[in-house]
Protein backbone atom coordinates (compact mmCIF):
# COMPACT_ATOMS: atom_id res chain seq x y z
CA MET A 1 -63.53 116.56 4.41
CA TYR A 2 -62.81 115.70 0.71
CA LEU A 3 -62.80 118.09 -2.22
CA ILE A 4 -63.86 116.47 -5.36
CA LEU A 5 -63.04 118.15 -8.64
CA SER A 6 -65.76 117.15 -11.16
CA GLU A 7 -67.18 118.86 -14.11
CA LYS A 8 -70.42 116.89 -13.88
CA ALA A 9 -72.97 117.48 -11.10
CA ASP A 10 -74.38 113.99 -11.47
CA GLU A 11 -71.04 112.46 -11.33
CA PHE A 12 -70.44 114.30 -8.05
CA THR A 13 -73.66 113.14 -6.67
CA ARG A 14 -72.68 109.40 -7.18
CA ILE A 15 -69.36 109.94 -5.51
CA LYS A 16 -71.02 111.76 -2.55
CA ALA A 17 -73.15 108.69 -2.08
CA THR A 18 -69.92 106.68 -1.69
CA LEU A 19 -67.92 109.09 0.45
CA GLY A 20 -70.68 110.69 2.47
CA ALA A 21 -71.47 114.34 3.58
CA GLY A 22 -67.78 115.19 3.81
CA ALA A 23 -67.41 115.34 0.09
CA LEU A 24 -67.56 118.85 -1.35
CA ARG A 25 -67.69 119.72 -5.07
CA VAL A 26 -65.29 122.03 -6.88
CA ASN A 27 -65.49 122.27 -10.72
CA ASN A 28 -62.37 124.06 -11.86
CA ARG A 29 -58.78 124.77 -10.60
CA HIS A 30 -59.67 128.22 -9.13
CA SER A 31 -62.26 126.94 -6.92
CA LEU A 32 -60.16 123.96 -6.00
CA ILE A 33 -57.44 126.26 -4.80
CA GLU A 34 -59.73 128.42 -3.10
CA GLY A 35 -61.30 125.42 -1.31
CA LEU A 36 -58.02 124.20 -0.07
CA GLU A 37 -57.08 127.67 1.25
CA ALA A 38 -60.37 128.00 2.94
CA ASN A 39 -60.00 124.50 4.50
CA PRO A 40 -56.53 124.01 5.77
CA LEU A 41 -57.27 120.75 7.36
CA THR A 42 -58.25 119.06 3.96
CA ARG A 43 -55.93 116.13 3.13
CA ILE A 44 -57.60 114.48 0.16
CA VAL A 45 -58.55 115.62 -3.23
CA VAL A 46 -60.50 113.28 -5.64
CA ILE A 47 -60.09 114.25 -9.35
CA THR A 48 -63.02 112.55 -11.27
CA GLN A 49 -63.16 110.97 -14.77
CA SER A 50 -64.78 113.98 -16.34
CA VAL A 51 -61.47 115.88 -15.97
CA LYS A 52 -59.14 115.39 -18.82
CA SER A 53 -55.92 113.37 -17.83
CA ASP A 54 -53.53 116.19 -18.91
CA THR A 55 -55.46 118.70 -16.73
CA ALA A 56 -55.55 116.18 -13.83
CA PHE A 57 -51.77 115.53 -14.10
CA ALA A 58 -51.00 119.23 -14.13
CA LEU A 59 -53.14 119.99 -11.11
CA ALA A 60 -51.50 117.00 -9.23
CA ALA A 61 -48.21 118.34 -10.08
CA GLU A 62 -49.19 121.96 -8.76
CA LEU A 63 -50.81 120.60 -5.61
CA ARG A 64 -47.70 118.61 -4.68
CA ILE A 65 -45.75 121.92 -4.58
CA GLN A 66 -48.26 124.24 -3.28
CA PHE A 67 -50.01 121.96 -0.84
CA PRO A 68 -47.64 119.07 -0.13
CA GLN A 69 -49.96 117.68 2.59
CA ILE A 70 -52.67 116.79 -0.06
CA ASN A 71 -53.26 113.19 -1.21
CA VAL A 72 -54.57 113.25 -4.79
CA ILE A 73 -56.82 110.23 -5.81
CA LEU A 74 -57.56 109.91 -9.53
CA ILE A 75 -60.58 108.27 -10.90
CA ARG A 76 -60.58 106.95 -14.58
CA THR A 77 -62.87 105.00 -16.79
CA ARG A 78 -59.80 103.06 -18.08
CA ILE A 79 -56.62 102.38 -16.21
CA ASP A 80 -53.61 101.27 -18.24
CA VAL A 81 -49.94 101.22 -17.63
CA ALA A 82 -49.31 104.69 -19.14
CA THR A 83 -51.88 106.13 -16.79
CA LEU A 84 -50.37 104.46 -13.73
CA ALA A 85 -46.77 105.68 -14.67
CA ALA A 86 -47.99 109.22 -15.20
CA ALA A 87 -49.82 109.01 -11.90
CA LEU A 88 -46.56 108.05 -10.18
CA GLU A 89 -44.62 110.67 -11.98
CA TYR A 90 -47.09 113.50 -10.84
CA GLY A 91 -47.35 112.20 -7.14
CA ILE A 92 -50.83 110.96 -7.45
CA LYS A 93 -51.40 108.60 -4.40
CA ASP A 94 -53.93 106.29 -6.16
CA VAL A 95 -55.85 105.50 -9.41
CA VAL A 96 -59.28 103.83 -9.19
CA ASP A 97 -61.77 102.63 -11.59
CA ALA A 98 -64.84 104.74 -12.12
CA GLN A 99 -67.21 101.76 -11.47
CA ASP A 100 -65.53 100.59 -8.32
CA ALA A 101 -66.91 102.35 -5.29
CA ALA A 102 -65.11 100.10 -2.81
CA ALA A 103 -61.82 100.78 -4.49
CA LEU A 104 -62.42 104.60 -3.84
CA MET A 105 -63.42 104.02 -0.28
CA ASN A 106 -60.26 101.98 0.26
CA ALA A 107 -58.07 104.52 -1.52
CA VAL A 108 -59.55 107.29 0.70
CA ARG A 109 -59.08 105.14 3.85
CA ARG A 110 -55.41 104.54 2.99
CA CYS A 111 -54.89 108.34 2.37
CA GLU A 112 -56.39 109.11 5.77
CA GLU A 113 -54.37 106.60 7.58
CA VAL A 114 -51.16 108.14 5.95
CA ALA A 115 -52.43 111.67 6.83
CA GLU A 116 -53.05 110.53 10.40
CA GLN A 117 -49.46 109.03 10.67
CA LEU A 118 -47.99 112.14 9.47
CA THR A 119 -49.94 114.29 11.95
CA MET A 120 -48.81 111.75 14.71
CA ARG A 121 -45.25 112.02 13.70
CA SER A 122 -45.47 115.94 13.74
CA GLY A 123 -47.06 115.89 17.12
CA LEU A 124 -44.67 113.41 18.66
CA ALA A 125 -41.72 115.45 17.16
CA SER A 126 -43.01 118.48 18.77
CA ILE A 127 -43.53 116.82 22.26
CA ASN A 128 -40.27 114.77 22.17
CA GLY A 129 -38.37 117.59 20.66
CA THR A 130 -36.86 115.28 18.09
CA ARG A 131 -37.38 112.26 15.72
CA GLY A 132 -34.88 109.76 14.68
CA LYS A 133 -33.45 109.87 11.14
CA LEU A 134 -34.71 107.40 8.64
CA ILE A 135 -31.88 106.26 6.29
CA THR A 136 -32.77 103.92 3.40
CA VAL A 137 -30.25 102.07 1.39
CA TYR A 138 -31.43 101.14 -2.01
CA SER A 139 -30.54 99.82 -5.37
CA ALA A 140 -33.04 98.81 -8.10
CA LYS A 141 -30.64 95.86 -9.05
CA GLY A 142 -29.66 92.90 -6.87
CA GLY A 143 -26.24 92.17 -6.00
CA CYS A 144 -24.87 95.59 -5.52
CA GLY A 145 -24.18 95.28 -1.86
CA LYS A 146 -27.24 96.88 -0.16
CA THR A 147 -27.08 94.61 2.80
CA THR A 148 -23.27 94.91 3.23
CA ILE A 149 -23.58 98.91 3.11
CA ALA A 150 -26.69 98.87 5.26
CA SER A 151 -25.35 96.61 8.14
CA ASN A 152 -21.95 97.99 8.26
CA LEU A 153 -23.40 101.61 8.29
CA ALA A 154 -25.62 100.64 11.21
CA ALA A 155 -22.40 99.58 13.10
CA ALA A 156 -20.47 102.69 12.10
CA LEU A 157 -23.26 104.87 13.31
CA SER A 158 -23.57 103.06 16.63
CA LYS A 159 -19.75 103.40 17.34
CA ASP A 160 -20.73 106.53 19.11
CA ASN A 161 -22.09 105.05 22.36
CA SER A 162 -24.60 107.96 22.74
CA THR A 163 -26.27 107.14 19.42
CA SER A 164 -28.82 104.47 19.14
CA VAL A 165 -29.45 102.61 15.87
CA CYS A 166 -32.00 100.13 14.69
CA LEU A 167 -31.36 98.20 11.50
CA VAL A 168 -34.55 97.09 9.66
CA ASP A 169 -34.52 94.40 6.95
CA MET A 170 -37.30 95.52 4.49
CA ASP A 171 -36.53 92.83 1.85
CA LEU A 172 -39.60 91.03 3.12
CA GLN A 173 -39.21 88.09 0.91
CA PHE A 174 -35.60 87.37 0.56
CA GLY A 175 -33.90 89.40 3.21
CA ASP A 176 -30.20 88.61 4.06
CA ILE A 177 -29.70 90.66 7.26
CA ALA A 178 -29.98 87.63 9.43
CA THR A 179 -27.48 85.60 7.34
CA ALA A 180 -24.98 88.58 7.10
CA LEU A 181 -25.07 89.00 10.85
CA ARG A 182 -25.25 85.38 11.75
CA ILE A 183 -28.25 86.01 13.95
CA HIS A 184 -30.76 83.10 14.31
CA PRO A 185 -34.14 84.47 13.40
CA THR A 186 -36.14 83.45 16.45
CA LYS A 187 -38.04 86.69 16.10
CA THR A 188 -39.04 88.65 12.93
CA VAL A 189 -41.30 91.46 11.78
CA THR A 190 -43.93 88.87 11.16
CA SER A 191 -43.91 88.44 15.11
CA ALA A 192 -44.83 92.19 15.48
CA LEU A 193 -48.20 91.42 13.82
CA GLU A 194 -49.45 90.21 17.30
CA MET A 195 -49.84 93.88 18.18
CA GLY A 196 -52.52 94.47 15.77
CA GLU A 197 -53.20 98.10 15.14
CA SER A 198 -51.68 99.12 18.65
CA VAL A 199 -48.09 99.45 17.42
CA ASP A 200 -45.81 100.58 20.18
CA ILE A 201 -42.20 100.57 21.41
CA GLU A 202 -43.01 98.01 24.08
CA GLY A 203 -44.51 95.66 21.63
CA LEU A 204 -41.69 96.10 19.10
CA ASN A 205 -38.98 95.55 21.85
CA LYS A 206 -40.24 92.07 22.04
CA VAL A 207 -39.45 91.21 18.37
CA LEU A 208 -36.22 93.22 18.16
CA LEU A 209 -32.83 91.34 18.53
CA ARG A 210 -29.58 92.72 19.64
CA TYR A 211 -26.36 92.64 17.49
CA GLU A 212 -23.27 92.42 19.72
CA ASN A 213 -24.44 95.17 22.03
CA MET A 214 -24.03 97.68 19.12
CA PHE A 215 -27.54 98.10 17.54
CA ASP A 216 -30.90 96.40 17.34
CA VAL A 217 -32.18 94.50 14.51
CA LEU A 218 -35.72 93.85 13.03
CA LEU A 219 -35.50 90.94 10.72
CA ALA A 220 -37.48 90.18 7.63
CA PRO A 221 -39.75 87.09 7.75
CA THR A 222 -38.29 83.63 7.52
CA ASN A 223 -41.11 82.52 5.17
CA PRO A 224 -41.33 84.53 2.08
CA SER A 225 -45.16 84.03 1.84
CA ASP A 226 -45.70 85.91 5.06
CA VAL A 227 -45.26 89.15 3.10
CA GLU A 228 -48.97 88.95 2.14
CA MET A 229 -49.89 89.55 5.93
CA LEU A 230 -47.64 92.74 6.18
CA ASN A 231 -49.70 95.57 4.83
CA PRO A 232 -47.82 98.94 4.15
CA GLU A 233 -49.88 100.87 6.57
CA PHE A 234 -48.63 98.57 9.47
CA LEU A 235 -45.07 98.77 8.42
CA SER A 236 -45.17 102.52 7.98
CA LYS A 237 -46.51 102.74 11.53
CA MET A 238 -43.91 100.51 12.85
CA VAL A 239 -41.00 102.37 11.28
CA ALA A 240 -42.51 105.60 12.73
CA THR A 241 -42.57 104.18 16.14
CA LEU A 242 -38.98 103.32 15.78
CA GLN A 243 -38.01 106.65 14.69
CA HIS A 244 -39.25 108.12 17.89
CA ASN A 245 -37.17 105.78 19.81
CA TYR A 246 -33.88 105.58 17.97
CA ASP A 247 -31.52 108.26 16.74
CA PHE A 248 -31.10 106.40 13.39
CA VAL A 249 -33.21 103.75 11.73
CA VAL A 250 -31.39 102.16 8.88
CA ILE A 251 -33.46 100.42 6.15
CA ASP A 252 -32.20 97.54 3.95
CA THR A 253 -34.36 97.03 1.01
CA SER A 254 -35.46 94.73 -1.83
CA PRO A 255 -34.68 95.91 -5.42
CA ALA A 256 -38.47 95.93 -6.36
CA LEU A 257 -40.19 99.36 -6.07
CA SER A 258 -43.14 97.82 -4.18
CA GLU A 259 -45.50 100.07 -2.29
CA VAL A 260 -43.76 99.35 0.83
CA ILE A 261 -40.34 100.49 -0.51
CA VAL A 262 -41.89 103.45 -2.22
CA ARG A 263 -43.19 104.60 1.36
CA MET A 264 -39.77 104.15 2.97
CA LEU A 265 -38.06 106.03 0.21
CA ARG A 266 -40.76 108.78 0.31
CA ASP A 267 -40.53 109.22 4.06
CA SER A 268 -36.73 108.96 4.41
CA ASP A 269 -34.71 111.62 5.81
CA LEU A 270 -31.88 110.41 3.52
CA VAL A 271 -31.73 107.92 0.70
CA LEU A 272 -28.44 106.04 -0.09
CA LEU A 273 -28.52 105.11 -3.69
CA LEU A 274 -26.23 102.19 -4.40
CA THR A 275 -24.76 101.22 -7.94
CA THR A 276 -21.71 99.45 -9.42
CA LEU A 277 -19.78 99.69 -12.56
CA ASP A 278 -22.14 97.90 -14.72
CA MET A 279 -24.67 99.31 -17.16
CA PRO A 280 -27.70 97.37 -15.93
CA ALA A 281 -27.01 98.79 -12.51
CA ILE A 282 -26.50 102.31 -13.92
CA LYS A 283 -29.57 102.09 -16.08
CA ASN A 284 -31.62 101.17 -13.01
CA LEU A 285 -30.10 104.05 -11.02
CA LYS A 286 -31.09 106.48 -13.52
CA LEU A 287 -34.69 105.12 -13.66
CA THR A 288 -34.77 105.22 -9.74
CA ILE A 289 -33.59 108.86 -9.67
CA SER A 290 -36.57 109.66 -12.06
CA ALA A 291 -39.00 107.74 -9.74
CA LEU A 292 -37.72 109.78 -6.74
CA ASP A 293 -38.00 113.06 -8.52
CA ALA A 294 -41.61 112.07 -9.08
CA LEU A 295 -42.07 111.32 -5.42
CA GLY A 296 -40.75 114.82 -4.53
CA LEU A 297 -37.59 113.49 -2.95
CA SER A 298 -34.96 116.44 -3.53
CA LYS A 299 -31.55 115.97 -4.38
CA SER A 300 -30.61 117.21 -0.96
CA ARG A 301 -32.18 113.99 0.60
CA ARG A 302 -30.25 111.54 -1.43
CA ARG A 303 -26.59 110.40 -2.16
CA LEU A 304 -25.02 108.15 -4.54
CA ILE A 305 -22.74 105.45 -3.42
CA LEU A 306 -20.47 103.63 -5.87
CA ASN A 307 -19.73 100.17 -4.73
CA LYS A 308 -16.65 98.25 -5.79
CA SER A 309 -15.51 101.41 -7.49
CA ASP A 310 -12.01 100.24 -8.14
CA LEU A 311 -12.79 97.45 -10.62
CA LYS A 312 -11.31 97.84 -14.08
CA VAL A 313 -14.31 97.19 -16.28
CA GLY A 314 -14.23 99.92 -18.74
CA LEU A 315 -16.21 102.36 -16.72
CA ASP A 316 -15.21 104.62 -13.88
CA ALA A 317 -17.10 107.11 -11.38
CA LYS A 318 -16.83 109.96 -13.89
CA ASP A 319 -18.65 107.93 -16.45
CA VAL A 320 -21.50 106.96 -13.87
CA GLU A 321 -21.85 110.68 -12.92
CA ALA A 322 -22.13 111.67 -16.48
CA LEU A 323 -24.71 108.91 -17.32
CA VAL A 324 -26.96 109.71 -14.49
CA ASP A 325 -26.26 113.47 -14.03
CA GLU A 326 -25.63 113.49 -10.36
CA ASP A 327 -22.43 113.45 -8.19
CA ILE A 328 -21.02 110.24 -6.35
CA SER A 329 -20.63 111.04 -2.70
CA ILE A 330 -18.84 107.98 -1.54
CA GLN A 331 -16.69 105.37 -3.50
CA VAL A 332 -16.45 101.92 -1.87
CA PRO A 333 -13.53 99.93 -3.28
CA SER A 334 -13.64 96.25 -3.56
CA SER A 335 -11.90 93.81 -1.21
CA THR A 336 -11.77 90.02 -0.54
CA LYS A 337 -11.92 91.02 3.12
CA VAL A 338 -15.65 91.87 2.87
CA THR A 339 -16.51 88.34 1.95
CA SER A 340 -13.99 86.69 4.33
CA ALA A 341 -15.54 88.81 7.26
CA SER A 342 -19.09 87.73 6.38
CA ASN A 343 -17.90 84.18 6.19
CA GLU A 344 -16.75 84.56 9.70
CA GLY A 345 -19.88 86.01 10.64
CA GLN A 346 -18.46 89.51 11.20
CA LEU A 347 -18.83 92.90 9.60
CA VAL A 348 -15.92 94.17 7.84
CA ILE A 349 -15.62 97.32 9.91
CA GLN A 350 -15.35 94.97 12.94
CA ALA A 351 -12.84 92.42 11.48
CA HIS A 352 -10.80 94.91 9.52
CA PRO A 353 -11.42 98.42 10.61
CA HIS A 354 -8.51 99.84 8.69
CA ASN A 355 -9.30 98.28 5.44
CA PRO A 356 -10.25 100.81 2.61
CA VAL A 357 -13.87 99.48 2.54
CA SER A 358 -14.10 100.05 6.16
CA LYS A 359 -12.63 103.59 5.92
CA ALA A 360 -15.19 104.37 3.31
CA ILE A 361 -18.13 103.26 5.37
CA PHE A 362 -16.95 105.32 8.34
CA GLN A 363 -16.74 108.24 5.97
CA LEU A 364 -20.26 107.45 4.89
CA ALA A 365 -21.43 107.39 8.46
CA ASN A 366 -19.85 110.81 8.98
CA GLN A 367 -21.66 112.23 5.84
CA VAL A 368 -24.98 110.71 7.08
CA ARG A 369 -24.52 112.53 10.49
CA GLU A 370 -23.54 115.69 8.77
CA ILE A 371 -26.36 115.72 6.17
CA THR A 372 -29.18 114.76 8.48
CA ARG A 373 -27.97 117.31 10.98
CA GLU A 374 -28.01 120.04 8.10
CA LEU A 375 -31.45 118.87 6.82
CA SER A 376 -33.07 118.90 10.34
CA GLY A 377 -31.33 122.15 11.34
CA THR A 378 -30.79 120.59 14.80
CA LYS A 379 -27.99 118.58 16.40
CA VAL A 380 -28.05 114.85 15.73
CA ALA A 381 -26.64 112.65 18.37
């Protein structure tokens, strides 16, 4: 069932013709809240063009807190950058043109698929008793060391032989995990498309590669154009499947806030935000924090990592904290050993386990274990 917030009866009639008998009309905030309370299985609210933008955004913000399971779709007669930015800020899932019935149907379908996946996750978690933790390493600026941190973190987490780890390269156009680990990309995420809609661990096992008996790896496509074939719903379902078969799934990302990356950030148990001591990286970090706030990702589910923290460039960790108004959790120093290990096809924590960089990454791994344990309220392997 879909609740349609519309101030005009004829407008609702047109939308009902598109969405079918499952569309029910409400005409104000009070009846909307009553409708959601009376129908707890509702997952989609459509706010039509007859509702003023300020009212729509205020309602979306309220629903995000009071009914976090609800997906809000906004219909507008004119869609511009300001509208899309505000929609992201207030947690609206999609904005569609009032004249585009197909776009509305597609938006509803996407929201239904996400709701189904979340329900599946919840059901599997209750059956299996646990769900692996999704850890996403992100920086909105390239060159900050995401791949180095993500790959070494996966190795550090897997040092406990009872912990299973999968490293996923979600930089779908220019992923570097294969290069960093010196893995020949005989299989990539593109190979998983053969499963179609039936994503399961048996199928994924055929496209995963093993890194030195430490952790499994799912590589990005070797052809950047393959990204066009990888839709966000498929990738979300794939990661959800991995979570139910590994203790930790570590995601390396691209700098762009694409729909795929937004989904990874939103669904993560913990996001590691990476920055360095330069103003472009810090500026992008501040913008990323604002975007995560808009997505509803609380401070408890993210940590700041300062890479190359010992460089003498006129800024230090305290300056970064003051500029972004959040504390840094881990400072990773610079070291030529990182590059030399990479050139030898090794991770720095393997080649130089006592190096300060390695010590910082082991410290990060310990924090990740502790934070995810606290967030879940259960013991993490």
